[in-house]
Amino acid sequence: MAMNYNKLWKLLIDRGLYRKDLREMAGISTNALAKMSKGGDVSTLVLGKICTALDVKIEDIVEVVLDESK
């Protein structure tokens, strides 16, 4: 199972924001942002901060990609 943050990256583009802007707005660490850039797992606290900062629901920023081989 992997996380896909493509919806978040597209949302940032649509709003004319950079990842640096997101980091500052949401108060998240550079490490959390780096993990997300690689499709890694971050805490629900981080996702909640992003949702609050952007005024969106969690399903607007992340998708769970199931492993089809299992």
Protein backbone atom coordinates (compact mmCIF):
# COMPACT_ATOMS: atom_id res chain seq x y z
CA MET A 1 0.00 0.00 0.00
CA ALA A 2 1.33 3.42 -0.94
CA MET A 3 0.17 6.98 -0.62
CA ASN A 4 -0.38 9.18 -3.64
CA TYR A 5 -0.30 12.96 -3.12
CA ASN A 6 -0.86 13.97 -6.77
CA LYS A 7 -4.15 15.64 -5.83
CA LEU A 8 -2.27 17.85 -3.37
CA TRP A 9 0.40 18.83 -5.89
CA LYS A 10 -2.26 19.69 -8.47
CA LEU A 11 -4.18 21.73 -5.90
CA LEU A 12 -1.05 23.74 -5.12
CA ILE A 13 -0.51 24.42 -8.83
CA ASP A 14 -4.15 25.46 -9.27
CA ARG A 15 -3.82 27.91 -6.37
CA GLY A 16 -0.45 29.24 -7.51
CA LEU A 17 1.34 27.96 -4.42
CA TYR A 18 4.74 26.35 -4.01
CA ARG A 19 5.62 23.51 -1.66
CA LYS A 20 7.52 26.04 0.43
CA ASP A 21 4.30 28.05 0.79
CA LEU A 22 2.46 24.92 1.93
CA ARG A 23 5.14 24.16 4.50
CA GLU A 24 4.87 27.64 5.96
CA MET A 25 1.06 27.83 5.84
CA ALA A 26 0.53 24.43 7.45
CA GLY A 27 3.46 24.59 9.87
CA ILE A 28 4.88 21.25 8.76
CA SER A 29 8.51 20.19 8.64
CA THR A 30 10.70 19.94 5.58
CA ASN A 31 11.11 16.25 6.42
CA ALA A 32 7.34 15.64 6.23
CA LEU A 33 7.19 17.44 2.90
CA ALA A 34 10.13 15.42 1.57
CA LYS A 35 8.42 12.15 2.59
CA MET A 36 5.27 13.23 0.81
CA SER A 37 7.25 14.13 -2.30
CA LYS A 38 8.46 10.53 -2.40
CA GLY A 39 4.99 9.07 -1.77
CA GLY A 40 5.87 8.14 1.79
CA ASP A 41 3.72 7.95 4.88
CA VAL A 42 3.20 10.96 7.13
CA SER A 43 1.14 11.27 10.28
CA THR A 44 -2.51 12.16 10.31
CA LEU A 45 -1.49 15.26 12.28
CA VAL A 46 0.49 16.48 9.25
CA LEU A 47 -2.39 15.71 6.89
CA GLY A 48 -4.78 17.50 9.24
CA LYS A 49 -2.60 20.61 9.30
CA ILE A 50 -2.50 20.65 5.51
CA CYS A 51 -6.28 20.23 5.26
CA THR A 52 -6.82 23.08 7.73
CA ALA A 53 -4.35 25.38 5.97
CA LEU A 54 -5.88 24.75 2.54
CA ASP A 55 -9.48 24.42 3.78
CA VAL A 56 -9.99 21.04 2.11
CA LYS A 57 -10.96 17.49 3.07
CA ILE A 58 -8.37 14.73 3.33
CA GLU A 59 -9.71 13.01 0.21
CA ASP A 60 -8.89 16.19 -1.70
CA ILE A 61 -5.16 15.78 -1.06
CA VAL A 62 -4.29 12.08 -0.75
CA GLU A 63 -5.21 8.70 -2.21
CA VAL A 64 -4.35 5.25 -0.95
CA VAL A 65 -2.95 3.05 -3.71
CA LEU A 66 -3.49 -0.63 -2.98
CA ASP A 67 -0.89 -3.18 -3.97
CA GLU A 68 -2.51 -5.19 -6.77
CA SER A 69 -0.07 -8.11 -6.44
CA LYS A 70 -1.58 -9.33 -3.15
